[in-house]
Amino acid sequence: MLGIGETDDEVLQTAHDLRSAEVDLLTFGQYLQPTPKHMPVVRYITPEAFKWFKETIEPMGFKYLVAGPLVRSSYKAGDLFLEKVIGHHPHHYQPTLS
């Protein structure tokens, strides 16, 4: 989650560290303060900034990378699992009849 006071350099370094640890999946979304009792948003990340992060981090080699204001860690997780782990995209799945 972005928008809690991190710098762009910290985001890039964290992505680099994660890729060095062989992490394959990375999602970036906007932190939203759930209630007044929670930590406030420090900065709202623009869609252009999310695009810049994605384009800058893509060459690091993550197998799945998505960035946007409404992205969450579970963003399309089921589709990703089916496509990358099971081996087919859910929209192309053709069940076999016995």
N, C-alpha and C. Protein backbone atom coordinates (compact mmCIF):
# COMPACT_ATOMS: atom_id res chain seq x y z
N MET A 1 0.84 -1.17 0.00
CA MET A 1 0.00 0.00 0.00
C MET A 1 0.89 1.24 0.00
N LEU A 2 0.59 2.12 -0.90
CA LEU A 2 1.35 3.36 -1.00
C LEU A 2 0.52 4.52 -0.44
N GLY A 3 1.21 5.56 -0.04
CA GLY A 3 0.55 6.75 0.47
C GLY A 3 0.66 6.91 1.97
N ILE A 4 1.61 6.18 2.59
CA ILE A 4 1.78 6.25 4.04
C ILE A 4 3.07 6.97 4.44
N GLY A 5 3.66 7.67 3.47
CA GLY A 5 4.86 8.45 3.78
C GLY A 5 6.14 7.93 3.15
N GLU A 6 6.02 6.88 2.34
CA GLU A 6 7.21 6.32 1.68
C GLU A 6 7.69 7.25 0.57
N THR A 7 8.98 7.18 0.27
CA THR A 7 9.52 7.92 -0.87
C THR A 7 9.52 7.01 -2.09
N ASP A 8 9.62 7.62 -3.25
CA ASP A 8 9.71 6.82 -4.48
C ASP A 8 10.92 5.91 -4.44
N ASP A 9 12.04 6.42 -3.93
CA ASP A 9 13.26 5.60 -3.84
C ASP A 9 13.05 4.40 -2.92
N GLU A 10 12.32 4.59 -1.84
CA GLU A 10 12.04 3.46 -0.93
C GLU A 10 11.18 2.40 -1.62
N VAL A 11 10.21 2.84 -2.42
CA VAL A 11 9.36 1.89 -3.16
C VAL A 11 10.22 1.09 -4.14
N LEU A 12 11.08 1.78 -4.87
CA LEU A 12 11.93 1.09 -5.86
C LEU A 12 12.91 0.15 -5.17
N GLN A 13 13.50 0.58 -4.07
CA GLN A 13 14.44 -0.29 -3.34
C GLN A 13 13.72 -1.52 -2.79
N THR A 14 12.52 -1.32 -2.28
CA THR A 14 11.75 -2.45 -1.76
C THR A 14 11.43 -3.44 -2.87
N ALA A 15 11.03 -2.94 -4.03
CA ALA A 15 10.76 -3.82 -5.17
C ALA A 15 12.02 -4.58 -5.55
N HIS A 16 13.14 -3.90 -5.59
CA HIS A 16 14.42 -4.56 -5.91
C HIS A 16 14.74 -5.64 -4.89
N ASP A 17 14.56 -5.33 -3.61
CA ASP A 17 14.84 -6.31 -2.55
C ASP A 17 13.92 -7.52 -2.67
N LEU A 18 12.65 -7.27 -2.96
CA LEU A 18 11.70 -8.38 -3.11
C LEU A 18 12.08 -9.27 -4.29
N ARG A 19 12.46 -8.66 -5.40
CA ARG A 19 12.84 -9.45 -6.58
C ARG A 19 14.13 -10.22 -6.30
N SER A 20 15.05 -9.62 -5.56
CA SER A 20 16.30 -10.31 -5.18
C SER A 20 16.01 -11.52 -4.31
N ALA A 21 14.90 -11.47 -3.57
CA ALA A 21 14.49 -12.60 -2.73
C ALA A 21 13.61 -13.57 -3.50
N GLU A 22 13.55 -13.41 -4.82
CA GLU A 22 12.81 -14.28 -5.74
C GLU A 22 11.29 -14.20 -5.57
N VAL A 23 10.80 -13.06 -5.11
CA VAL A 23 9.36 -12.82 -5.09
C VAL A 23 8.92 -12.60 -6.53
N ASP A 24 7.83 -13.25 -6.94
CA ASP A 24 7.36 -13.17 -8.32
C ASP A 24 6.14 -12.30 -8.52
N LEU A 25 5.39 -12.03 -7.47
CA LEU A 25 4.13 -11.30 -7.58
C LEU A 25 4.21 -10.03 -6.75
N LEU A 26 3.84 -8.91 -7.35
CA LEU A 26 3.89 -7.65 -6.63
C LEU A 26 2.69 -6.79 -7.02
N THR A 27 1.97 -6.28 -6.03
CA THR A 27 0.85 -5.39 -6.27
C THR A 27 1.07 -4.09 -5.50
N PHE A 28 0.68 -2.99 -6.11
CA PHE A 28 0.73 -1.67 -5.48
C PHE A 28 -0.65 -1.06 -5.52
N GLY A 29 -1.13 -0.61 -4.37
CA GLY A 29 -2.42 0.07 -4.30
C GLY A 29 -2.31 1.28 -3.38
N GLN A 30 -3.36 2.07 -3.36
CA GLN A 30 -3.42 3.26 -2.53
C GLN A 30 -3.91 2.90 -1.13
N TYR A 31 -3.17 3.30 -0.11
CA TYR A 31 -3.65 3.15 1.27
C TYR A 31 -4.82 4.11 1.46
N LEU A 32 -5.89 3.60 2.04
CA LEU A 32 -7.05 4.42 2.37
C LEU A 32 -7.33 4.27 3.85
N GLN A 33 -7.47 5.36 4.55
CA GLN A 33 -7.72 5.34 5.99
C GLN A 33 -9.11 4.76 6.26
N PRO A 34 -9.19 3.58 6.88
CA PRO A 34 -10.49 2.94 7.07
C PRO A 34 -11.40 3.66 8.05
N THR A 35 -10.84 4.22 9.10
CA THR A 35 -11.63 4.97 10.10
C THR A 35 -10.76 6.09 10.63
N PRO A 36 -11.34 7.07 11.30
CA PRO A 36 -10.54 8.14 11.89
C PRO A 36 -9.54 7.65 12.94
N LYS A 37 -9.74 6.46 13.47
CA LYS A 37 -8.83 5.90 14.47
C LYS A 37 -7.55 5.34 13.84
N HIS A 38 -7.56 5.13 12.54
CA HIS A 38 -6.41 4.57 11.84
C HIS A 38 -5.48 5.68 11.34
N MET A 39 -4.29 5.27 10.97
CA MET A 39 -3.30 6.20 10.45
C MET A 39 -3.86 6.95 9.24
N PRO A 40 -3.65 8.26 9.16
CA PRO A 40 -4.17 9.02 8.01
C PRO A 40 -3.33 8.79 6.76
N VAL A 41 -3.93 9.06 5.62
CA VAL A 41 -3.22 9.04 4.34
C VAL A 41 -2.26 10.22 4.33
N VAL A 42 -1.01 9.95 3.97
CA VAL A 42 -0.01 11.01 3.88
C VAL A 42 -0.04 11.64 2.50
N ARG A 43 -0.26 10.79 1.47
CA ARG A 43 -0.23 11.28 0.09
C ARG A 43 -1.12 10.39 -0.77
N TYR A 44 -1.90 11.01 -1.63
CA TYR A 44 -2.65 10.25 -2.63
C TYR A 44 -1.78 10.13 -3.87
N ILE A 45 -1.59 8.90 -4.31
CA ILE A 45 -0.74 8.62 -5.46
C ILE A 45 -1.59 8.79 -6.74
N THR A 46 -1.08 9.52 -7.69
CA THR A 46 -1.83 9.76 -8.93
C THR A 46 -1.79 8.51 -9.81
N PRO A 47 -2.77 8.36 -10.69
CA PRO A 47 -2.72 7.25 -11.65
C PRO A 47 -1.43 7.27 -12.48
N GLU A 48 -0.96 8.47 -12.81
CA GLU A 48 0.29 8.58 -13.58
C GLU A 48 1.48 8.05 -12.79
N ALA A 49 1.49 8.31 -11.48
CA ALA A 49 2.58 7.80 -10.63
C ALA A 49 2.52 6.28 -10.53
N PHE A 50 1.32 5.72 -10.41
CA PHE A 50 1.20 4.25 -10.40
C PHE A 50 1.73 3.67 -11.71
N LYS A 51 1.39 4.32 -12.83
CA LYS A 51 1.88 3.86 -14.14
C LYS A 51 3.41 3.93 -14.18
N TRP A 52 3.97 5.02 -13.65
CA TRP A 52 5.43 5.17 -13.63
C TRP A 52 6.08 4.06 -12.80
N PHE A 53 5.52 3.78 -11.61
CA PHE A 53 6.06 2.70 -10.79
C PHE A 53 6.04 1.38 -11.56
N LYS A 54 4.91 1.08 -12.19
CA LYS A 54 4.79 -0.19 -12.93
C LYS A 54 5.83 -0.26 -14.05
N GLU A 55 5.92 0.80 -14.84
CA GLU A 55 6.87 0.81 -15.96
C GLU A 55 8.32 0.75 -15.49
N THR A 56 8.61 1.36 -14.36
CA THR A 56 9.97 1.37 -13.82
C THR A 56 10.34 0.03 -13.20
N ILE A 57 9.38 -0.63 -12.60
CA ILE A 57 9.65 -1.89 -11.89
C ILE A 57 9.54 -3.11 -12.81
N GLU A 58 8.77 -3.02 -13.88
CA GLU A 58 8.59 -4.17 -14.78
C GLU A 58 9.90 -4.82 -15.23
N PRO A 59 10.93 -4.05 -15.59
CA PRO A 59 12.18 -4.68 -16.04
C PRO A 59 12.88 -5.53 -14.97
N MET A 60 12.45 -5.42 -13.72
CA MET A 60 13.05 -6.23 -12.65
C MET A 60 12.69 -7.71 -12.79
N GLY A 61 11.63 -8.00 -13.55
CA GLY A 61 11.33 -9.40 -13.85
C GLY A 61 10.25 -10.06 -13.02
N PHE A 62 9.37 -9.30 -12.39
CA PHE A 62 8.26 -9.92 -11.68
C PHE A 62 7.37 -10.63 -12.68
N LYS A 63 6.87 -11.81 -12.33
CA LYS A 63 5.96 -12.54 -13.22
C LYS A 63 4.59 -11.89 -13.26
N TYR A 64 4.21 -11.24 -12.18
CA TYR A 64 2.91 -10.57 -12.10
C TYR A 64 3.11 -9.27 -11.34
N LEU A 65 2.79 -8.17 -11.98
CA LEU A 65 2.96 -6.85 -11.39
C LEU A 65 1.76 -6.00 -11.78
N VAL A 66 1.07 -5.48 -10.79
CA VAL A 66 -0.07 -4.62 -11.07
C VAL A 66 -0.03 -3.45 -10.09
N ALA A 67 -0.35 -2.26 -10.59
CA ALA A 67 -0.30 -1.06 -9.76
C ALA A 67 -1.44 -0.14 -10.15
N GLY A 68 -2.15 0.34 -9.15
CA GLY A 68 -3.24 1.27 -9.39
C GLY A 68 -3.90 1.65 -8.08
N PRO A 69 -4.65 2.74 -8.08
CA PRO A 69 -5.24 3.23 -6.84
C PRO A 69 -6.14 2.23 -6.12
N LEU A 70 -6.86 1.40 -6.86
CA LEU A 70 -7.81 0.46 -6.23
C LEU A 70 -7.29 -0.97 -6.16
N VAL A 71 -6.03 -1.18 -6.49
CA VAL A 71 -5.45 -2.52 -6.46
C VAL A 71 -5.22 -2.96 -5.02
N ARG A 72 -5.55 -4.20 -4.74
CA ARG A 72 -5.31 -4.80 -3.43
C ARG A 72 -4.50 -6.08 -3.66
N SER A 73 -3.93 -6.62 -2.60
CA SER A 73 -3.08 -7.80 -2.75
C SER A 73 -3.84 -8.99 -3.32
N SER A 74 -5.14 -9.01 -3.16
CA SER A 74 -5.94 -10.11 -3.70
C SER A 74 -6.45 -9.81 -5.11
N TYR A 75 -5.99 -8.72 -5.71
CA TYR A 75 -6.48 -8.27 -7.01
C TYR A 75 -6.34 -9.37 -8.06
N LYS A 76 -7.46 -9.89 -8.50
CA LYS A 76 -7.51 -10.96 -9.51
C LYS A 76 -6.67 -12.16 -9.11
N ALA A 77 -6.58 -12.43 -7.82
CA ALA A 77 -5.75 -13.53 -7.33
C ALA A 77 -6.19 -14.87 -7.88
N GLY A 78 -7.49 -15.09 -7.98
CA GLY A 78 -7.99 -16.36 -8.52
C GLY A 78 -7.58 -16.56 -9.96
N ASP A 79 -7.71 -15.52 -10.78
CA ASP A 79 -7.30 -15.61 -12.18
C ASP A 79 -5.82 -15.90 -12.29
N LEU A 80 -5.02 -15.20 -11.47
CA LEU A 80 -3.57 -15.41 -11.50
C LEU A 80 -3.22 -16.83 -11.12
N PHE A 81 -3.86 -17.35 -10.08
CA PHE A 81 -3.59 -18.72 -9.64
C PHE A 81 -3.90 -19.71 -10.76
N LEU A 82 -5.05 -19.57 -11.35
CA LEU A 82 -5.42 -20.50 -12.42
C LEU A 82 -4.46 -20.41 -13.60
N GLU A 83 -4.10 -19.21 -13.97
CA GLU A 83 -3.24 -19.03 -15.13
C GLU A 83 -1.80 -19.47 -14.88
N LYS A 84 -1.23 -19.08 -13.75
CA LYS A 84 0.19 -19.33 -13.50
C LYS A 84 0.46 -20.67 -12.82
N VAL A 85 -0.43 -21.10 -11.95
CA VAL A 85 -0.18 -22.32 -11.19
C VAL A 85 -0.85 -23.52 -11.83
N ILE A 86 -2.12 -23.38 -12.16
CA ILE A 86 -2.86 -24.48 -12.76
C ILE A 86 -2.52 -24.63 -14.24
N GLY A 87 -2.27 -23.52 -14.90
CA GLY A 87 -1.81 -23.59 -16.28
C GLY A 87 -2.82 -23.17 -17.32
N HIS A 88 -3.93 -22.59 -16.93
CA HIS A 88 -4.86 -22.07 -17.92
C HIS A 88 -5.54 -20.82 -17.39
N HIS A 89 -5.98 -20.00 -18.32
CA HIS A 89 -6.69 -18.78 -17.94
C HIS A 89 -8.14 -19.14 -17.69
N PRO A 90 -8.76 -18.59 -16.64
CA PRO A 90 -10.13 -18.98 -16.29
C PRO A 90 -11.14 -18.73 -17.40
N HIS A 91 -10.90 -17.75 -18.24
CA HIS A 91 -11.85 -17.46 -19.30
C HIS A 91 -11.67 -18.36 -20.51
N HIS A 92 -10.62 -19.15 -20.51
CA HIS A 92 -10.37 -20.07 -21.60
C HIS A 92 -10.54 -21.52 -21.17
N TYR A 93 -11.02 -21.73 -19.98
CA TYR A 93 -11.14 -23.07 -19.42
C TYR A 93 -12.29 -23.82 -20.08
N GLN A 94 -11.99 -25.00 -20.54
CA GLN A 94 -12.99 -25.88 -21.13
C GLN A 94 -13.03 -27.17 -20.32
N PRO A 95 -14.06 -27.33 -19.47
CA PRO A 95 -14.12 -28.54 -18.65
C PRO A 95 -14.31 -29.77 -19.52
N THR A 96 -13.75 -30.86 -19.06
CA THR A 96 -13.94 -32.13 -19.78
C THR A 96 -15.10 -32.88 -19.16
N LEU A 97 -15.88 -33.50 -20.01
CA LEU A 97 -17.02 -34.28 -19.53
C LEU A 97 -16.63 -35.74 -19.50
N SER A 98 -16.94 -36.41 -18.43
CA SER A 98 -16.59 -37.83 -18.30
C SER A 98 -17.76 -38.69 -18.75
